[in-house]
Amino acid sequence: MQRTLSIIKPDAVMRNITGKVNAMIEDSGLRIVAQKRIRLTAAQAEEFYGEHKDKAFFGGLVEYMTSAPIVVQVLEGKDAIAHYRKIMGATNPAVADEGTIRKTFALSITQNTVHGSDSEESAKREVSFFFNHIEVVG
């Protein structure tokens, strides 16, 4: 079993569709083993997305991710990282596969509803950024 981080982003939280997103996650066979609703500070968002600090979109990303609450969660399942990335769909919802979370719910390439870890290294770092070991119950 593998674990990965999922973030249900501000656009989805504000539209009150977290349950619909979670249904797609669970229907795909992944388990939600930790979950909480939080509001990131600018400092937290800057730290979490630090690898992008030199990119043109960084300021807008931080502003967006702090604009409303988010739902952070740990997903568990066989090949959870690749599995979740497949059901998330492409970053740009216009080219995402039908039936993916982003094709179904994303508003734009920026307001794309969900985030998922892209590697085992990222998953470990991202999960530990938001959760301590006693909050993740498999």
N, C-alpha and C. Protein backbone atom coordinates (compact mmCIF):
# COMPACT_ATOMS: atom_id res chain seq x y z
N MET A 1 0.84 -1.19 0.00
CA MET A 1 0.00 0.00 0.00
C MET A 1 0.88 1.24 0.00
N GLN A 2 0.42 2.23 -0.71
CA GLN A 2 1.16 3.49 -0.83
C GLN A 2 0.25 4.62 -0.39
N ARG A 3 0.86 5.70 0.07
CA ARG A 3 0.09 6.89 0.47
C ARG A 3 0.49 8.09 -0.36
N THR A 4 -0.44 9.00 -0.54
CA THR A 4 -0.19 10.24 -1.27
C THR A 4 -1.01 11.36 -0.65
N LEU A 5 -0.58 12.58 -0.90
CA LEU A 5 -1.34 13.74 -0.43
C LEU A 5 -2.33 14.18 -1.49
N SER A 6 -3.49 14.57 -1.03
CA SER A 6 -4.49 15.20 -1.88
C SER A 6 -4.87 16.53 -1.24
N ILE A 7 -5.02 17.55 -2.07
CA ILE A 7 -5.58 18.82 -1.60
C ILE A 7 -6.80 19.11 -2.47
N ILE A 8 -7.92 19.32 -1.80
CA ILE A 8 -9.09 19.85 -2.49
C ILE A 8 -8.97 21.36 -2.35
N LYS A 9 -8.80 22.02 -3.48
CA LYS A 9 -8.40 23.42 -3.53
C LYS A 9 -9.57 24.38 -3.26
N PRO A 10 -9.24 25.67 -3.07
CA PRO A 10 -10.26 26.66 -2.71
C PRO A 10 -11.47 26.71 -3.64
N ASP A 11 -11.26 26.55 -4.95
CA ASP A 11 -12.42 26.65 -5.86
C ASP A 11 -13.44 25.57 -5.55
N ALA A 12 -13.01 24.37 -5.23
CA ALA A 12 -13.93 23.28 -4.93
C ALA A 12 -14.57 23.44 -3.56
N VAL A 13 -13.79 23.88 -2.58
CA VAL A 13 -14.32 24.09 -1.23
C VAL A 13 -15.38 25.18 -1.26
N MET A 14 -15.11 26.26 -1.97
CA MET A 14 -16.06 27.37 -2.03
C MET A 14 -17.35 26.98 -2.77
N ARG A 15 -17.24 26.04 -3.71
CA ARG A 15 -18.44 25.58 -4.44
C ARG A 15 -19.14 24.43 -3.71
N ASN A 16 -18.61 24.04 -2.54
CA ASN A 16 -19.22 23.01 -1.71
C ASN A 16 -19.33 21.66 -2.44
N ILE A 17 -18.25 21.29 -3.13
CA ILE A 17 -18.25 20.02 -3.86
C ILE A 17 -17.21 19.03 -3.32
N THR A 18 -16.75 19.24 -2.10
CA THR A 18 -15.74 18.33 -1.55
C THR A 18 -16.27 16.90 -1.45
N GLY A 19 -17.53 16.75 -1.12
CA GLY A 19 -18.11 15.42 -1.04
C GLY A 19 -18.14 14.72 -2.40
N LYS A 20 -18.41 15.48 -3.45
CA LYS A 20 -18.43 14.91 -4.80
C LYS A 20 -17.03 14.49 -5.23
N VAL A 21 -16.04 15.32 -4.90
CA VAL A 21 -14.66 14.97 -5.21
C VAL A 21 -14.26 13.72 -4.42
N ASN A 22 -14.58 13.69 -3.13
CA ASN A 22 -14.24 12.52 -2.32
C ASN A 22 -14.94 11.26 -2.81
N ALA A 23 -16.16 11.39 -3.29
CA ALA A 23 -16.86 10.22 -3.85
C ALA A 23 -16.09 9.66 -5.04
N MET A 24 -15.57 10.53 -5.90
CA MET A 24 -14.79 10.06 -7.04
C MET A 24 -13.50 9.37 -6.58
N ILE A 25 -12.88 9.92 -5.55
CA ILE A 25 -11.66 9.32 -5.01
C ILE A 25 -11.97 7.93 -4.46
N GLU A 26 -12.98 7.84 -3.62
CA GLU A 26 -13.32 6.56 -3.00
C GLU A 26 -13.86 5.56 -4.02
N ASP A 27 -14.65 6.02 -4.97
CA ASP A 27 -15.18 5.12 -6.00
C ASP A 27 -14.07 4.54 -6.87
N SER A 28 -12.92 5.22 -6.92
CA SER A 28 -11.80 4.73 -7.71
C SER A 28 -11.01 3.64 -6.98
N GLY A 29 -11.31 3.45 -5.70
CA GLY A 29 -10.63 2.42 -4.93
C GLY A 29 -9.63 2.94 -3.92
N LEU A 30 -9.40 4.24 -3.88
CA LEU A 30 -8.50 4.81 -2.87
C LEU A 30 -9.25 5.04 -1.58
N ARG A 31 -8.53 4.93 -0.45
CA ARG A 31 -9.11 5.19 0.86
C ARG A 31 -8.60 6.52 1.39
N ILE A 32 -9.46 7.29 2.02
CA ILE A 32 -9.06 8.52 2.69
C ILE A 32 -8.74 8.14 4.12
N VAL A 33 -7.44 8.22 4.49
CA VAL A 33 -7.01 7.77 5.82
C VAL A 33 -6.69 8.93 6.76
N ALA A 34 -6.76 10.15 6.26
CA ALA A 34 -6.63 11.35 7.08
C ALA A 34 -7.23 12.50 6.29
N GLN A 35 -7.86 13.44 7.02
CA GLN A 35 -8.50 14.55 6.33
C GLN A 35 -8.74 15.69 7.31
N LYS A 36 -8.49 16.92 6.85
CA LYS A 36 -8.85 18.08 7.65
C LYS A 36 -9.02 19.30 6.75
N ARG A 37 -9.86 20.19 7.21
CA ARG A 37 -10.12 21.45 6.51
C ARG A 37 -9.31 22.53 7.22
N ILE A 38 -8.51 23.25 6.44
CA ILE A 38 -7.65 24.29 7.00
C ILE A 38 -7.67 25.52 6.09
N ARG A 39 -7.10 26.59 6.60
CA ARG A 39 -6.88 27.78 5.78
C ARG A 39 -5.39 28.10 5.85
N LEU A 40 -4.72 28.01 4.72
CA LEU A 40 -3.29 28.29 4.67
C LEU A 40 -3.00 29.76 4.86
N THR A 41 -1.93 30.05 5.57
CA THR A 41 -1.40 31.41 5.61
C THR A 41 -0.50 31.58 4.38
N ALA A 42 -0.17 32.82 4.07
CA ALA A 42 0.74 33.07 2.95
C ALA A 42 2.08 32.39 3.19
N ALA A 43 2.58 32.46 4.42
CA ALA A 43 3.88 31.83 4.73
C ALA A 43 3.82 30.32 4.53
N GLN A 44 2.73 29.67 4.94
CA GLN A 44 2.59 28.23 4.75
C GLN A 44 2.53 27.88 3.26
N ALA A 45 1.75 28.63 2.50
CA ALA A 45 1.64 28.37 1.07
C ALA A 45 2.97 28.57 0.37
N GLU A 46 3.70 29.62 0.75
CA GLU A 46 5.01 29.87 0.16
C GLU A 46 5.98 28.74 0.47
N GLU A 47 5.92 28.22 1.69
CA GLU A 47 6.78 27.09 2.06
C GLU A 47 6.39 25.83 1.30
N PHE A 48 5.10 25.53 1.28
CA PHE A 48 4.64 24.30 0.62
C PHE A 48 4.98 24.31 -0.87
N TYR A 49 4.79 25.42 -1.53
CA TYR A 49 5.05 25.53 -2.97
C TYR A 49 6.42 26.14 -3.27
N GLY A 50 7.34 26.07 -2.32
CA GLY A 50 8.66 26.68 -2.44
C GLY A 50 9.43 26.30 -3.69
N GLU A 51 9.23 25.10 -4.20
CA GLU A 51 9.96 24.67 -5.41
C GLU A 51 9.59 25.52 -6.62
N HIS A 52 8.48 26.25 -6.54
CA HIS A 52 8.02 27.08 -7.65
C HIS A 52 8.31 28.57 -7.45
N LYS A 53 9.07 28.92 -6.42
CA LYS A 53 9.22 30.33 -6.04
C LYS A 53 9.81 31.21 -7.14
N ASP A 54 10.57 30.66 -8.05
CA ASP A 54 11.18 31.45 -9.12
C ASP A 54 10.33 31.49 -10.39
N LYS A 55 9.18 30.86 -10.35
CA LYS A 55 8.32 30.82 -11.54
C LYS A 55 7.32 31.97 -11.52
N ALA A 56 6.92 32.40 -12.70
CA ALA A 56 6.04 33.57 -12.84
C ALA A 56 4.70 33.40 -12.15
N PHE A 57 4.22 32.18 -12.06
CA PHE A 57 2.89 31.93 -11.48
C PHE A 57 2.88 31.82 -9.96
N PHE A 58 4.06 31.87 -9.32
CA PHE A 58 4.16 31.62 -7.88
C PHE A 58 3.28 32.55 -7.06
N GLY A 59 3.34 33.85 -7.28
CA GLY A 59 2.54 34.80 -6.50
C GLY A 59 1.05 34.55 -6.63
N GLY A 60 0.60 34.28 -7.84
CA GLY A 60 -0.81 33.97 -8.06
C GLY A 60 -1.23 32.68 -7.40
N LEU A 61 -0.33 31.69 -7.41
CA LEU A 61 -0.62 30.41 -6.76
C LEU A 61 -0.79 30.59 -5.26
N VAL A 62 0.12 31.32 -4.65
CA VAL A 62 0.03 31.58 -3.21
C VAL A 62 -1.26 32.34 -2.89
N GLU A 63 -1.57 33.34 -3.69
CA GLU A 63 -2.79 34.12 -3.47
C GLU A 63 -4.04 33.23 -3.59
N TYR A 64 -4.07 32.40 -4.60
CA TYR A 64 -5.21 31.49 -4.80
C TYR A 64 -5.33 30.50 -3.65
N MET A 65 -4.22 29.87 -3.25
CA MET A 65 -4.28 28.83 -2.23
C MET A 65 -4.58 29.37 -0.84
N THR A 66 -4.47 30.68 -0.65
CA THR A 66 -4.81 31.30 0.63
C THR A 66 -6.15 32.04 0.56
N SER A 67 -6.83 31.97 -0.56
CA SER A 67 -8.07 32.74 -0.77
C SER A 67 -9.28 32.17 -0.05
N ALA A 68 -9.22 30.92 0.35
CA ALA A 68 -10.35 30.24 1.00
C ALA A 68 -9.81 28.97 1.65
N PRO A 69 -10.60 28.30 2.46
CA PRO A 69 -10.14 27.03 3.04
C PRO A 69 -9.84 25.98 1.97
N ILE A 70 -9.04 25.02 2.37
CA ILE A 70 -8.74 23.85 1.56
C ILE A 70 -9.00 22.61 2.40
N VAL A 71 -9.09 21.46 1.76
CA VAL A 71 -9.20 20.20 2.46
C VAL A 71 -7.96 19.39 2.10
N VAL A 72 -7.13 19.09 3.11
CA VAL A 72 -5.95 18.27 2.89
C VAL A 72 -6.27 16.86 3.37
N GLN A 73 -5.76 15.90 2.61
CA GLN A 73 -6.06 14.51 2.98
C GLN A 73 -4.94 13.58 2.54
N VAL A 74 -4.88 12.46 3.21
CA VAL A 74 -3.95 11.41 2.84
C VAL A 74 -4.77 10.28 2.24
N LEU A 75 -4.37 9.87 1.05
CA LEU A 75 -5.04 8.77 0.35
C LEU A 75 -4.13 7.56 0.40
N GLU A 76 -4.75 6.38 0.46
CA GLU A 76 -3.99 5.14 0.55
C GLU A 76 -4.57 4.14 -0.44
N GLY A 77 -3.67 3.38 -1.07
CA GLY A 77 -4.09 2.33 -1.98
C GLY A 77 -2.92 1.80 -2.77
N LYS A 78 -3.19 0.82 -3.59
CA LYS A 78 -2.16 0.24 -4.45
C LYS A 78 -1.73 1.30 -5.46
N ASP A 79 -0.42 1.57 -5.52
CA ASP A 79 0.12 2.59 -6.43
C ASP A 79 -0.66 3.91 -6.32
N ALA A 80 -0.90 4.35 -5.08
CA ALA A 80 -1.78 5.50 -4.82
C ALA A 80 -1.36 6.77 -5.56
N ILE A 81 -0.07 7.00 -5.68
CA ILE A 81 0.39 8.25 -6.33
C ILE A 81 -0.03 8.26 -7.80
N ALA A 82 0.34 7.24 -8.54
CA ALA A 82 -0.02 7.16 -9.96
C ALA A 82 -1.53 7.06 -10.14
N HIS A 83 -2.17 6.28 -9.27
CA HIS A 83 -3.62 6.09 -9.36
C HIS A 83 -4.35 7.43 -9.18
N TYR A 84 -3.95 8.20 -8.16
CA TYR A 84 -4.61 9.47 -7.92
C TYR A 84 -4.34 10.46 -9.05
N ARG A 85 -3.11 10.48 -9.54
CA ARG A 85 -2.79 11.40 -10.63
C ARG A 85 -3.63 11.07 -11.87
N LYS A 86 -3.90 9.80 -12.09
CA LYS A 86 -4.73 9.41 -13.23
C LYS A 86 -6.17 9.90 -13.06
N ILE A 87 -6.74 9.73 -11.86
CA ILE A 87 -8.14 10.15 -11.68
C ILE A 87 -8.27 11.67 -11.51
N MET A 88 -7.16 12.36 -11.15
CA MET A 88 -7.19 13.82 -11.12
C MET A 88 -7.35 14.36 -12.53
N GLY A 89 -6.61 13.82 -13.47
CA GLY A 89 -6.61 14.31 -14.84
C GLY A 89 -5.55 15.37 -15.05
N ALA A 90 -5.40 15.80 -16.28
CA ALA A 90 -4.39 16.80 -16.65
C ALA A 90 -4.62 18.10 -15.91
N THR A 91 -3.53 18.84 -15.66
CA THR A 91 -3.61 20.13 -14.98
C THR A 91 -4.59 21.07 -15.69
N ASN A 92 -4.55 21.06 -17.00
CA ASN A 92 -5.47 21.87 -17.79
C ASN A 92 -6.75 21.06 -18.02
N PRO A 93 -7.86 21.46 -17.40
CA PRO A 93 -9.09 20.67 -17.53
C PRO A 93 -9.61 20.57 -18.96
N ALA A 94 -9.21 21.50 -19.82
CA ALA A 94 -9.65 21.47 -21.22
C ALA A 94 -9.11 20.25 -21.96
N VAL A 95 -7.97 19.73 -21.50
CA VAL A 95 -7.38 18.56 -22.16
C VAL A 95 -7.41 17.31 -21.27
N ALA A 96 -8.03 17.42 -20.10
CA ALA A 96 -8.12 16.27 -19.19
C ALA A 96 -9.07 15.23 -19.76
N ASP A 97 -8.80 13.97 -19.44
CA ASP A 97 -9.66 12.88 -19.90
C ASP A 97 -11.05 12.98 -19.27
N GLU A 98 -12.05 12.57 -20.03
CA GLU A 98 -13.42 12.50 -19.52
C GLU A 98 -13.45 11.61 -18.29
N GLY A 99 -14.26 11.99 -17.32
CA GLY A 99 -14.42 11.19 -16.11
C GLY A 99 -13.41 11.48 -15.03
N THR A 100 -12.42 12.34 -15.31
CA THR A 100 -11.45 12.70 -14.28
C THR A 100 -12.01 13.83 -13.42
N ILE A 101 -11.41 14.02 -12.26
CA ILE A 101 -11.86 15.07 -11.35
C ILE A 101 -11.77 16.44 -12.01
N ARG A 102 -10.64 16.71 -12.64
CA ARG A 102 -10.46 18.04 -13.24
C ARG A 102 -11.37 18.26 -14.44
N LYS A 103 -11.58 17.26 -15.25
CA LYS A 103 -12.50 17.42 -16.39
C LYS A 103 -13.91 17.68 -15.88
N THR A 104 -14.27 17.01 -14.80
CA THR A 104 -15.62 17.12 -14.26
C THR A 104 -15.85 18.42 -13.50
N PHE A 105 -14.86 18.88 -12.72
CA PHE A 105 -15.11 19.98 -11.78
C PHE A 105 -14.24 21.23 -11.95
N ALA A 106 -13.06 21.14 -12.54
CA ALA A 106 -12.16 22.29 -12.57
C ALA A 106 -12.73 23.44 -13.39
N LEU A 107 -12.44 24.65 -12.93
CA LEU A 107 -12.92 25.86 -13.60
C LEU A 107 -11.92 26.37 -14.63
N SER A 108 -10.62 26.12 -14.39
CA SER A 108 -9.57 26.61 -15.28
C SER A 108 -8.27 25.89 -14.95
N ILE A 109 -7.24 26.21 -15.70
CA ILE A 109 -5.93 25.62 -15.43
C ILE A 109 -5.41 26.05 -14.05
N THR A 110 -5.83 27.23 -13.59
CA THR A 110 -5.43 27.73 -12.27
C THR A 110 -6.34 27.18 -11.19
N GLN A 111 -7.63 27.29 -11.39
CA GLN A 111 -8.61 26.78 -10.43
C GLN A 111 -8.98 25.36 -10.85
N ASN A 112 -8.03 24.44 -10.61
CA ASN A 112 -8.17 23.09 -11.13
C ASN A 112 -8.56 22.05 -10.07
N THR A 113 -9.18 22.50 -9.01
CA THR A 113 -9.90 21.69 -8.03
C THR A 113 -9.06 20.85 -7.08
N VAL A 114 -8.01 20.18 -7.58
CA VAL A 114 -7.26 19.26 -6.73
C VAL A 114 -5.75 19.33 -6.99
N HIS A 115 -5.00 18.91 -5.99
CA HIS A 115 -3.55 18.73 -6.08
C HIS A 115 -3.26 17.31 -5.62
N GLY A 116 -2.27 16.69 -6.23
CA GLY A 116 -1.79 15.39 -5.77
C GLY A 116 -0.29 15.31 -5.89
N SER A 117 0.33 14.59 -4.99
CA SER A 117 1.79 14.41 -5.02
C SER A 117 2.21 13.78 -6.34
N ASP A 118 3.42 14.15 -6.81
CA ASP A 118 3.88 13.63 -8.09
C ASP A 118 4.94 12.54 -7.99
N SER A 119 5.38 12.22 -6.77
CA SER A 119 6.39 11.17 -6.58
C SER A 119 6.34 10.70 -5.13
N GLU A 120 7.02 9.58 -4.87
CA GLU A 120 7.07 9.09 -3.48
C GLU A 120 7.76 10.10 -2.57
N GLU A 121 8.84 10.72 -3.06
CA GLU A 121 9.56 11.72 -2.28
C GLU A 121 8.65 12.91 -1.96
N SER A 122 7.93 13.40 -2.96
CA SER A 122 7.00 14.51 -2.74
C SER A 122 5.88 14.11 -1.80
N ALA A 123 5.36 12.91 -1.95
CA ALA A 123 4.27 12.45 -1.09
C ALA A 123 4.70 12.44 0.37
N LYS A 124 5.87 11.93 0.65
CA LYS A 124 6.36 11.89 2.04
C LYS A 124 6.50 13.31 2.60
N ARG A 125 7.11 14.19 1.80
CA ARG A 125 7.30 15.58 2.24
C ARG A 125 5.96 16.27 2.43
N GLU A 126 5.05 16.11 1.48
CA GLU A 126 3.77 16.81 1.53
C GLU A 126 2.86 16.29 2.64
N VAL A 127 2.81 14.98 2.82
CA VAL A 127 2.00 14.42 3.90
C VAL A 127 2.50 14.94 5.24
N SER A 128 3.84 14.90 5.45
CA SER A 128 4.38 15.34 6.74
C SER A 128 4.26 16.85 6.93
N PHE A 129 4.07 17.61 5.86
CA PHE A 129 3.85 19.06 5.98
C PHE A 129 2.53 19.33 6.69
N PHE A 130 1.50 18.53 6.41
CA PHE A 130 0.16 18.78 6.93
C PHE A 130 -0.26 17.86 8.07
N PHE A 131 0.36 16.68 8.20
CA PHE A 131 -0.12 15.69 9.17
C PHE A 131 1.04 15.14 9.98
N ASN A 132 0.76 14.84 11.26
CA ASN A 132 1.73 14.07 12.03
C ASN A 132 1.27 12.61 12.01
N HIS A 133 2.13 11.70 12.43
CA HIS A 133 1.86 10.27 12.27
C HIS A 133 0.61 9.78 12.98
N ILE A 134 0.20 10.41 14.07
CA ILE A 134 -0.99 9.92 14.78
C ILE A 134 -2.30 10.37 14.11
N GLU A 135 -2.21 11.28 13.16
CA GLU A 135 -3.42 11.74 12.45
C GLU A 135 -3.76 10.87 11.26
N VAL A 136 -2.83 10.03 10.83
CA VAL A 136 -3.04 9.18 9.66
C VAL A 136 -3.38 7.79 10.15
N VAL A 137 -4.60 7.37 9.92
CA VAL A 137 -5.09 6.09 10.44
C VAL A 137 -5.50 5.21 9.26
N GLY A 138 -4.72 4.17 9.00
CA GLY A 138 -4.97 3.30 7.85
C GLY A 138 -5.97 2.22 8.08
